[in-house]
């Protein structure tokens, strides 16, 4: 269900949509959705599209005002989730997106 929502909201609209109201639980929920999509065999045929969409979403979230504060206070488990999703999306640890998220 969350993936359907992400398809309705373009990544470029995230900062204006959330402004200062992004909640950590929502961010974790979105990450869990992408984690499930990137690991589910039923989505194998859409994997490259999902990876591309996820990368655009990652960038969109980094433009939200509270993003830095939220990532600063992520738990070890939440950071592990971020690493797992980034790896499943094929984003290497040296890329700029890792620095913004971890």
N, C-alpha and C. Protein backbone atom coordinates (compact mmCIF):
# COMPACT_ATOMS: atom_id res chain seq x y z
N UNK A 1 0.81 -1.22 0.00
CA UNK A 1 0.00 0.00 0.00
C UNK A 1 0.85 1.28 0.00
N UNK A 2 1.97 1.27 0.74
CA UNK A 2 2.80 2.47 0.78
C UNK A 2 3.41 2.78 -0.57
N UNK A 3 3.76 1.73 -1.33
CA UNK A 3 4.38 1.95 -2.63
C UNK A 3 3.42 2.70 -3.55
N UNK A 4 2.14 2.37 -3.46
CA UNK A 4 1.15 3.08 -4.27
C UNK A 4 1.14 4.56 -3.93
N UNK A 5 1.30 4.88 -2.65
CA UNK A 5 1.36 6.29 -2.24
C UNK A 5 2.61 6.96 -2.77
N UNK A 6 3.73 6.25 -2.74
CA UNK A 6 4.97 6.86 -3.21
C UNK A 6 4.89 7.15 -4.71
N UNK A 7 4.13 6.35 -5.42
CA UNK A 7 3.99 6.58 -6.86
C UNK A 7 3.11 7.78 -7.16
N UNK A 8 2.28 8.17 -6.23
CA UNK A 8 1.39 9.32 -6.43
C UNK A 8 2.06 10.64 -6.09
N UNK A 9 3.08 10.58 -5.24
CA UNK A 9 3.77 11.80 -4.82
C UNK A 9 5.15 11.82 -5.47
N UNK A 10 5.40 12.75 -6.37
CA UNK A 10 6.73 12.82 -6.98
C UNK A 10 7.79 13.18 -5.95
N UNK A 11 8.96 12.58 -6.05
CA UNK A 11 10.03 12.87 -5.09
C UNK A 11 10.34 14.36 -4.96
N UNK A 12 10.22 15.09 -6.04
CA UNK A 12 10.52 16.53 -6.01
C UNK A 12 9.52 17.31 -5.15
N UNK A 13 8.37 16.71 -4.85
CA UNK A 13 7.34 17.39 -4.06
C UNK A 13 7.45 17.11 -2.56
N UNK A 14 8.35 16.23 -2.17
CA UNK A 14 8.43 15.83 -0.76
C UNK A 14 8.71 17.00 0.18
N UNK A 15 9.66 17.87 -0.18
CA UNK A 15 10.00 18.96 0.74
C UNK A 15 8.84 19.92 0.93
N UNK A 16 8.08 20.20 -0.10
CA UNK A 16 6.93 21.10 0.07
C UNK A 16 5.77 20.38 0.75
N UNK A 17 5.68 19.08 0.56
CA UNK A 17 4.61 18.31 1.20
C UNK A 17 4.83 18.23 2.71
N UNK A 18 6.05 17.88 3.13
CA UNK A 18 6.34 17.69 4.56
C UNK A 18 6.75 18.96 5.27
N UNK A 19 7.40 19.87 4.58
CA UNK A 19 7.93 21.10 5.17
C UNK A 19 8.69 20.78 6.44
N UNK A 20 8.11 21.03 7.62
CA UNK A 20 8.79 20.73 8.89
C UNK A 20 8.07 19.64 9.67
N UNK A 21 7.20 18.89 9.01
CA UNK A 21 6.38 17.93 9.76
C UNK A 21 6.75 16.46 9.53
N UNK A 22 7.90 16.18 8.93
CA UNK A 22 8.30 14.79 8.73
C UNK A 22 8.57 14.13 10.08
N UNK A 23 7.95 12.98 10.29
CA UNK A 23 8.13 12.24 11.53
C UNK A 23 9.05 11.03 11.29
N UNK A 24 9.90 10.71 12.25
CA UNK A 24 10.81 9.57 12.10
C UNK A 24 10.08 8.27 11.75
N UNK A 25 8.95 8.03 12.38
CA UNK A 25 8.20 6.78 12.13
C UNK A 25 7.77 6.68 10.66
N UNK A 26 7.41 7.80 10.08
CA UNK A 26 7.01 7.78 8.67
C UNK A 26 8.21 7.44 7.78
N UNK A 27 9.33 8.06 8.07
CA UNK A 27 10.54 7.80 7.29
C UNK A 27 10.92 6.32 7.37
N UNK A 28 10.86 5.75 8.55
CA UNK A 28 11.17 4.33 8.74
C UNK A 28 10.17 3.48 7.96
N UNK A 29 8.91 3.85 7.98
CA UNK A 29 7.88 3.12 7.25
C UNK A 29 8.15 3.10 5.75
N UNK A 30 8.57 4.23 5.22
CA UNK A 30 8.89 4.32 3.79
C UNK A 30 10.10 3.43 3.48
N UNK A 31 11.11 3.48 4.34
CA UNK A 31 12.29 2.63 4.14
C UNK A 31 11.92 1.15 4.18
N UNK A 32 11.05 0.77 5.12
CA UNK A 32 10.61 -0.62 5.21
C UNK A 32 9.85 -1.04 3.96
N UNK A 33 9.06 -0.13 3.41
CA UNK A 33 8.33 -0.41 2.17
C UNK A 33 9.29 -0.69 1.03
N UNK A 34 10.29 0.18 0.86
CA UNK A 34 11.25 -0.04 -0.21
C UNK A 34 12.08 -1.30 0.05
N UNK A 35 12.39 -1.58 1.30
CA UNK A 35 13.14 -2.80 1.63
C UNK A 35 12.34 -4.02 1.17
N UNK A 36 11.06 -4.04 1.47
CA UNK A 36 10.21 -5.16 1.08
C UNK A 36 10.11 -5.27 -0.44
N UNK A 37 9.95 -4.15 -1.10
CA UNK A 37 9.84 -4.16 -2.56
C UNK A 37 11.12 -4.63 -3.24
N UNK A 38 12.25 -4.22 -2.68
CA UNK A 38 13.53 -4.57 -3.29
C UNK A 38 13.96 -6.01 -2.99
N UNK A 39 13.29 -6.65 -2.05
CA UNK A 39 13.65 -8.02 -1.71
C UNK A 39 12.58 -9.04 -2.09
N UNK A 40 11.41 -8.60 -2.47
CA UNK A 40 10.32 -9.53 -2.79
C UNK A 40 10.48 -10.13 -4.19
N UNK A 41 10.48 -11.44 -4.28
CA UNK A 41 10.59 -12.09 -5.60
C UNK A 41 9.45 -11.68 -6.54
N UNK A 42 8.30 -11.35 -5.97
CA UNK A 42 7.15 -10.97 -6.80
C UNK A 42 7.35 -9.66 -7.54
N UNK A 43 8.35 -8.88 -7.13
CA UNK A 43 8.62 -7.60 -7.79
C UNK A 43 9.91 -7.64 -8.63
N UNK A 44 10.40 -8.84 -8.89
CA UNK A 44 11.66 -9.00 -9.63
C UNK A 44 11.62 -8.27 -10.97
N UNK A 45 10.51 -8.36 -11.67
CA UNK A 45 10.41 -7.73 -12.98
C UNK A 45 10.38 -6.20 -12.92
N UNK A 46 10.13 -5.64 -11.75
CA UNK A 46 10.09 -4.18 -11.56
C UNK A 46 11.30 -3.66 -10.81
N UNK A 47 12.25 -4.53 -10.51
CA UNK A 47 13.35 -4.19 -9.63
C UNK A 47 14.11 -2.93 -10.06
N UNK A 48 14.45 -2.79 -11.32
CA UNK A 48 15.22 -1.63 -11.77
C UNK A 48 14.40 -0.35 -11.64
N UNK A 49 13.11 -0.41 -11.95
CA UNK A 49 12.25 0.76 -11.78
C UNK A 49 12.14 1.16 -10.32
N UNK A 50 12.02 0.17 -9.44
CA UNK A 50 11.93 0.43 -8.01
C UNK A 50 13.22 1.06 -7.51
N UNK A 51 14.36 0.54 -7.96
CA UNK A 51 15.66 1.09 -7.55
C UNK A 51 15.76 2.56 -7.97
N UNK A 52 15.37 2.85 -9.17
CA UNK A 52 15.44 4.22 -9.68
C UNK A 52 14.52 5.14 -8.88
N UNK A 53 13.30 4.69 -8.66
CA UNK A 53 12.32 5.48 -7.90
C UNK A 53 12.82 5.70 -6.47
N UNK A 54 13.39 4.66 -5.87
CA UNK A 54 13.92 4.75 -4.51
C UNK A 54 15.04 5.79 -4.44
N UNK A 55 15.94 5.76 -5.40
CA UNK A 55 17.05 6.72 -5.40
C UNK A 55 16.52 8.16 -5.51
N UNK A 56 15.51 8.35 -6.31
CA UNK A 56 14.90 9.68 -6.41
C UNK A 56 14.24 10.08 -5.09
N UNK A 57 13.60 9.12 -4.44
CA UNK A 57 12.98 9.39 -3.14
C UNK A 57 14.02 9.72 -2.08
N UNK A 58 15.14 8.99 -2.09
CA UNK A 58 16.22 9.28 -1.15
C UNK A 58 16.64 10.73 -1.26
N UNK A 59 16.83 11.16 -2.48
CA UNK A 59 17.24 12.54 -2.71
C UNK A 59 16.15 13.51 -2.26
N UNK A 60 14.91 13.19 -2.56
CA UNK A 60 13.79 14.05 -2.15
C UNK A 60 13.70 14.22 -0.64
N UNK A 61 13.92 13.13 0.09
CA UNK A 61 13.85 13.21 1.56
C UNK A 61 14.98 14.06 2.13
N UNK A 62 16.15 14.04 1.50
CA UNK A 62 17.27 14.84 2.02
C UNK A 62 17.00 16.33 1.92
N UNK A 63 16.02 16.73 1.13
CA UNK A 63 15.69 18.14 0.95
C UNK A 63 14.64 18.66 1.94
N UNK A 64 14.13 17.77 2.79
CA UNK A 64 13.15 18.15 3.81
C UNK A 64 13.89 18.75 5.00
N UNK A 65 13.36 19.85 5.53
CA UNK A 65 14.03 20.59 6.60
C UNK A 65 14.48 19.73 7.77
N UNK A 66 13.64 18.87 8.27
CA UNK A 66 13.97 18.10 9.47
C UNK A 66 14.79 16.85 9.21
N UNK A 67 15.12 16.59 7.97
CA UNK A 67 15.80 15.35 7.61
C UNK A 67 17.09 15.14 8.41
N UNK A 68 17.94 16.15 8.45
CA UNK A 68 19.21 16.03 9.16
C UNK A 68 19.04 15.71 10.63
N UNK A 69 18.07 16.34 11.26
CA UNK A 69 17.81 16.09 12.68
C UNK A 69 17.30 14.67 12.89
N UNK A 70 16.41 14.24 12.01
CA UNK A 70 15.86 12.89 12.14
C UNK A 70 16.95 11.83 11.98
N UNK A 71 17.79 11.98 10.97
CA UNK A 71 18.83 10.98 10.75
C UNK A 71 19.88 11.00 11.85
N UNK A 72 20.10 12.16 12.43
CA UNK A 72 21.05 12.29 13.52
C UNK A 72 20.67 11.41 14.71
N UNK A 73 19.37 11.29 14.96
CA UNK A 73 18.89 10.55 16.12
C UNK A 73 18.35 9.16 15.78
N UNK A 74 18.69 8.63 14.61
CA UNK A 74 18.26 7.28 14.25
C UNK A 74 18.92 6.26 15.17
N UNK A 75 18.17 5.24 15.51
CA UNK A 75 18.71 4.16 16.34
C UNK A 75 19.64 3.27 15.51
N UNK A 76 20.35 2.39 16.17
CA UNK A 76 21.23 1.46 15.46
C UNK A 76 20.43 0.58 14.50
N UNK A 77 19.25 0.17 14.93
CA UNK A 77 18.39 -0.66 14.09
C UNK A 77 17.90 0.09 12.86
N UNK A 78 17.58 1.37 13.03
CA UNK A 78 17.13 2.18 11.90
C UNK A 78 18.27 2.42 10.92
N UNK A 79 19.47 2.62 11.45
CA UNK A 79 20.65 2.79 10.57
C UNK A 79 20.94 1.50 9.79
N UNK A 80 20.73 0.38 10.45
CA UNK A 80 20.92 -0.92 9.78
C UNK A 80 19.90 -1.05 8.64
N UNK A 81 18.68 -0.63 8.88
CA UNK A 81 17.63 -0.65 7.85
C UNK A 81 18.06 0.21 6.66
N UNK A 82 18.55 1.41 6.93
CA UNK A 82 19.01 2.30 5.86
C UNK A 82 20.10 1.62 5.04
N UNK A 83 21.10 1.06 5.73
CA UNK A 83 22.20 0.38 5.03
C UNK A 83 21.68 -0.76 4.16
N UNK A 84 20.76 -1.55 4.70
CA UNK A 84 20.21 -2.68 3.96
C UNK A 84 19.48 -2.21 2.70
N UNK A 85 18.66 -1.19 2.83
CA UNK A 85 17.90 -0.71 1.67
C UNK A 85 18.84 -0.10 0.64
N UNK A 86 19.82 0.66 1.08
CA UNK A 86 20.79 1.24 0.14
C UNK A 86 21.53 0.14 -0.62
N UNK A 87 21.92 -0.91 0.09
CA UNK A 87 22.62 -2.02 -0.56
C UNK A 87 21.71 -2.76 -1.54
N UNK A 88 20.47 -2.99 -1.14
CA UNK A 88 19.51 -3.67 -2.03
C UNK A 88 19.24 -2.84 -3.28
N UNK A 89 19.33 -1.52 -3.15
CA UNK A 89 19.11 -0.63 -4.29
C UNK A 89 20.36 -0.52 -5.16
N UNK A 90 21.45 -1.16 -4.72
CA UNK A 90 22.66 -1.14 -5.51
C UNK A 90 23.47 0.13 -5.38
N UNK A 91 23.24 0.88 -4.31
CA UNK A 91 23.98 2.12 -4.09
C UNK A 91 25.20 1.81 -3.23
N UNK A 92 26.38 2.08 -3.75
CA UNK A 92 27.60 1.72 -3.03
C UNK A 92 27.87 2.66 -1.87
N UNK A 93 28.60 2.16 -0.90
CA UNK A 93 28.86 2.90 0.34
C UNK A 93 29.61 4.20 0.12
N UNK A 94 30.31 4.35 -0.97
CA UNK A 94 31.07 5.58 -1.21
C UNK A 94 30.25 6.70 -1.82
N UNK A 95 29.02 6.41 -2.21
CA UNK A 95 28.21 7.42 -2.88
C UNK A 95 27.72 8.49 -1.90
N UNK A 96 27.50 9.67 -2.43
CA UNK A 96 27.08 10.83 -1.64
C UNK A 96 25.81 10.55 -0.84
N UNK A 97 24.91 9.77 -1.39
CA UNK A 97 23.64 9.50 -0.70
C UNK A 97 23.87 8.82 0.64
N UNK A 98 24.90 7.98 0.75
CA UNK A 98 25.20 7.33 2.02
C UNK A 98 25.59 8.37 3.07
N UNK A 99 26.37 9.34 2.66
CA UNK A 99 26.83 10.37 3.60
C UNK A 99 25.66 11.18 4.14
N UNK A 100 24.66 11.39 3.31
CA UNK A 100 23.49 12.17 3.75
C UNK A 100 22.61 11.37 4.70
N UNK A 101 22.57 10.04 4.49
CA UNK A 101 21.67 9.21 5.27
C UNK A 101 22.31 8.60 6.51
N UNK A 102 23.63 8.46 6.51
CA UNK A 102 24.24 7.78 7.66
C UNK A 102 25.30 8.62 8.34
